[in-house]
Amino acid sequence: MAQHPEVYRVWLLAARSEHDTTDRKLFVGRYWYGYPFNQLAEAYGMTPNAVSLRLHRVRLNLRAHLEERGYRI
């Protein structure tokens, strides 16, 4: 996904109402800044597994959101 910055823009615009602030921050931290799971987990008081699970759910939602708008992932 890093090769498609428009994907980030579309998701971030849609995410304002669809995702909580922590999910958005985790997504940007991981996929924009490249922070490792353990660093994100420590910053947000979660386990690395919880971060991974939340990001997985966000990616699924992102995929559905983009496919509804005609993007092929």
N, C-alpha and C. Protein backbone atom coordinates (compact mmCIF):
# COMPACT_ATOMS: atom_id res chain seq x y z
N MET A 1 0.81 -1.20 0.00
CA MET A 1 0.00 0.00 0.00
C MET A 1 0.85 1.26 0.00
N ALA A 2 2.07 1.18 0.43
CA ALA A 2 2.91 2.36 0.52
C ALA A 2 3.12 3.01 -0.84
N GLN A 3 2.92 2.27 -1.92
CA GLN A 3 3.12 2.80 -3.25
C GLN A 3 1.93 3.62 -3.72
N HIS A 4 0.85 3.65 -2.97
CA HIS A 4 -0.37 4.32 -3.38
C HIS A 4 -0.79 5.35 -2.34
N PRO A 5 -0.17 6.53 -2.33
CA PRO A 5 -0.51 7.52 -1.31
C PRO A 5 -1.96 7.95 -1.36
N GLU A 6 -2.60 7.84 -2.53
CA GLU A 6 -4.01 8.20 -2.63
C GLU A 6 -4.87 7.30 -1.75
N VAL A 7 -4.46 6.06 -1.58
CA VAL A 7 -5.19 5.14 -0.70
C VAL A 7 -5.22 5.70 0.71
N TYR A 8 -4.10 6.21 1.18
CA TYR A 8 -4.04 6.79 2.52
C TYR A 8 -4.97 8.00 2.62
N ARG A 9 -4.93 8.85 1.60
CA ARG A 9 -5.76 10.05 1.61
C ARG A 9 -7.23 9.69 1.67
N VAL A 10 -7.65 8.75 0.83
CA VAL A 10 -9.06 8.33 0.81
C VAL A 10 -9.45 7.75 2.16
N TRP A 11 -8.59 6.88 2.70
CA TRP A 11 -8.92 6.26 3.98
C TRP A 11 -8.97 7.29 5.09
N LEU A 12 -8.01 8.18 5.16
CA LEU A 12 -7.98 9.16 6.23
C LEU A 12 -9.20 10.08 6.18
N LEU A 13 -9.65 10.42 4.98
CA LEU A 13 -10.87 11.23 4.87
C LEU A 13 -12.08 10.44 5.37
N ALA A 14 -12.16 9.19 4.99
CA ALA A 14 -13.30 8.36 5.40
C ALA A 14 -13.23 8.01 6.87
N ALA A 15 -12.04 7.88 7.38
CA ALA A 15 -11.84 7.39 8.75
C ALA A 15 -12.27 8.39 9.81
N ARG A 16 -12.43 9.62 9.45
CA ARG A 16 -12.81 10.62 10.44
C ARG A 16 -14.03 10.20 11.25
N SER A 17 -14.99 9.62 10.57
CA SER A 17 -16.20 9.23 11.28
C SER A 17 -16.30 7.73 11.51
N GLU A 18 -15.54 6.94 10.77
CA GLU A 18 -15.69 5.49 10.83
C GLU A 18 -14.75 4.80 11.82
N HIS A 19 -13.67 5.45 12.21
CA HIS A 19 -12.70 4.82 13.09
C HIS A 19 -12.39 5.75 14.25
N ASP A 20 -12.05 5.16 15.36
CA ASP A 20 -11.70 6.02 16.48
C ASP A 20 -10.28 6.58 16.30
N THR A 21 -9.97 7.54 17.10
CA THR A 21 -8.70 8.25 16.98
C THR A 21 -7.50 7.31 17.13
N THR A 22 -7.59 6.36 18.04
CA THR A 22 -6.48 5.44 18.25
C THR A 22 -6.22 4.61 17.01
N ASP A 23 -7.28 4.12 16.36
CA ASP A 23 -7.09 3.33 15.15
C ASP A 23 -6.41 4.16 14.06
N ARG A 24 -6.83 5.40 13.91
CA ARG A 24 -6.19 6.26 12.91
C ARG A 24 -4.73 6.49 13.24
N LYS A 25 -4.44 6.74 14.50
CA LYS A 25 -3.05 6.98 14.90
C LYS A 25 -2.20 5.73 14.73
N LEU A 26 -2.74 4.57 15.05
CA LEU A 26 -2.01 3.32 14.85
C LEU A 26 -1.73 3.11 13.37
N PHE A 27 -2.73 3.34 12.54
CA PHE A 27 -2.58 3.15 11.09
C PHE A 27 -1.49 4.05 10.54
N VAL A 28 -1.56 5.33 10.87
CA VAL A 28 -0.57 6.28 10.37
C VAL A 28 0.82 5.97 10.94
N GLY A 29 0.86 5.63 12.23
CA GLY A 29 2.13 5.30 12.85
C GLY A 29 2.80 4.11 12.20
N ARG A 30 2.01 3.11 11.89
CA ARG A 30 2.57 1.89 11.31
C ARG A 30 2.90 2.05 9.83
N TYR A 31 1.94 2.56 9.05
CA TYR A 31 2.07 2.53 7.59
C TYR A 31 2.61 3.81 6.98
N TRP A 32 2.60 4.89 7.70
CA TRP A 32 3.20 6.12 7.18
C TRP A 32 4.60 6.29 7.76
N TYR A 33 4.70 6.15 9.08
CA TYR A 33 5.99 6.36 9.74
C TYR A 33 6.80 5.09 9.94
N GLY A 34 6.18 3.93 9.78
CA GLY A 34 6.89 2.67 9.86
C GLY A 34 7.27 2.22 11.26
N TYR A 35 6.55 2.71 12.27
CA TYR A 35 6.85 2.29 13.64
C TYR A 35 6.55 0.80 13.83
N PRO A 36 7.39 0.09 14.55
CA PRO A 36 7.14 -1.33 14.81
C PRO A 36 5.98 -1.51 15.81
N PHE A 37 5.39 -2.69 15.77
CA PHE A 37 4.25 -3.00 16.64
C PHE A 37 4.57 -2.75 18.11
N ASN A 38 5.75 -3.17 18.54
CA ASN A 38 6.06 -3.02 19.97
C ASN A 38 6.16 -1.56 20.39
N GLN A 39 6.65 -0.70 19.52
CA GLN A 39 6.72 0.73 19.84
C GLN A 39 5.32 1.34 19.91
N LEU A 40 4.47 0.98 18.97
CA LEU A 40 3.09 1.46 19.00
C LEU A 40 2.36 0.95 20.23
N ALA A 41 2.58 -0.31 20.55
CA ALA A 41 1.94 -0.91 21.72
C ALA A 41 2.32 -0.17 22.99
N GLU A 42 3.57 0.12 23.13
CA GLU A 42 4.04 0.83 24.32
C GLU A 42 3.45 2.24 24.38
N ALA A 43 3.42 2.91 23.25
CA ALA A 43 2.91 4.29 23.21
C ALA A 43 1.42 4.37 23.55
N TYR A 44 0.67 3.34 23.20
CA TYR A 44 -0.79 3.37 23.40
C TYR A 44 -1.27 2.44 24.52
N GLY A 45 -0.33 1.88 25.29
CA GLY A 45 -0.70 1.05 26.42
C GLY A 45 -1.40 -0.24 26.02
N MET A 46 -0.94 -0.87 24.95
CA MET A 46 -1.52 -2.11 24.45
C MET A 46 -0.42 -3.16 24.33
N THR A 47 -0.84 -4.36 24.06
CA THR A 47 0.12 -5.40 23.72
C THR A 47 0.39 -5.32 22.22
N PRO A 48 1.54 -5.80 21.77
CA PRO A 48 1.79 -5.84 20.32
C PRO A 48 0.72 -6.64 19.57
N ASN A 49 0.21 -7.70 20.21
CA ASN A 49 -0.85 -8.49 19.57
C ASN A 49 -2.12 -7.66 19.40
N ALA A 50 -2.47 -6.84 20.39
CA ALA A 50 -3.66 -5.99 20.28
C ALA A 50 -3.49 -4.97 19.15
N VAL A 51 -2.30 -4.41 19.02
CA VAL A 51 -2.03 -3.47 17.93
C VAL A 51 -2.20 -4.18 16.60
N SER A 52 -1.63 -5.36 16.47
CA SER A 52 -1.73 -6.13 15.24
C SER A 52 -3.18 -6.42 14.88
N LEU A 53 -3.96 -6.82 15.86
CA LEU A 53 -5.36 -7.14 15.63
C LEU A 53 -6.15 -5.89 15.20
N ARG A 54 -5.92 -4.78 15.87
CA ARG A 54 -6.62 -3.54 15.50
C ARG A 54 -6.25 -3.10 14.09
N LEU A 55 -4.98 -3.21 13.74
CA LEU A 55 -4.56 -2.84 12.39
C LEU A 55 -5.14 -3.77 11.34
N HIS A 56 -5.24 -5.04 11.68
CA HIS A 56 -5.86 -6.00 10.77
C HIS A 56 -7.31 -5.59 10.48
N ARG A 57 -8.04 -5.25 11.52
CA ARG A 57 -9.44 -4.84 11.36
C ARG A 57 -9.54 -3.54 10.55
N VAL A 58 -8.63 -2.62 10.80
CA VAL A 58 -8.64 -1.36 10.04
C VAL A 58 -8.36 -1.64 8.57
N ARG A 59 -7.41 -2.53 8.28
CA ARG A 59 -7.10 -2.85 6.88
C ARG A 59 -8.30 -3.49 6.19
N LEU A 60 -9.00 -4.38 6.89
CA LEU A 60 -10.20 -4.99 6.30
C LEU A 60 -11.24 -3.92 5.98
N ASN A 61 -11.42 -3.00 6.92
CA ASN A 61 -12.38 -1.93 6.71
C ASN A 61 -11.95 -1.02 5.56
N LEU A 62 -10.67 -0.72 5.51
CA LEU A 62 -10.13 0.10 4.43
C LEU A 62 -10.36 -0.56 3.08
N ARG A 63 -10.08 -1.83 3.01
CA ARG A 63 -10.27 -2.56 1.75
C ARG A 63 -11.73 -2.48 1.30
N ALA A 64 -12.66 -2.74 2.22
CA ALA A 64 -14.08 -2.69 1.88
C ALA A 64 -14.48 -1.27 1.43
N HIS A 65 -13.99 -0.28 2.15
CA HIS A 65 -14.29 1.11 1.83
C HIS A 65 -13.81 1.46 0.42
N LEU A 66 -12.59 1.07 0.10
CA LEU A 66 -12.03 1.38 -1.21
C LEU A 66 -12.72 0.61 -2.32
N GLU A 67 -13.03 -0.66 -2.08
CA GLU A 67 -13.71 -1.47 -3.10
C GLU A 67 -15.10 -0.92 -3.38
N GLU A 68 -15.79 -0.41 -2.36
CA GLU A 68 -17.10 0.20 -2.57
C GLU A 68 -17.01 1.42 -3.47
N ARG A 69 -15.85 2.04 -3.50
CA ARG A 69 -15.66 3.24 -4.31
C ARG A 69 -14.92 2.95 -5.62
N GLY A 70 -14.80 1.69 -5.97
CA GLY A 70 -14.27 1.31 -7.27
C GLY A 70 -12.77 1.07 -7.33
N TYR A 71 -12.07 1.13 -6.21
CA TYR A 71 -10.64 0.82 -6.19
C TYR A 71 -10.48 -0.69 -6.13
N ARG A 72 -9.52 -1.21 -6.88
CA ARG A 72 -9.21 -2.63 -6.84
C ARG A 72 -7.94 -2.81 -6.02
N ILE A 73 -8.03 -3.60 -4.98
CA ILE A 73 -6.88 -3.84 -4.10
C ILE A 73 -6.38 -5.25 -4.32
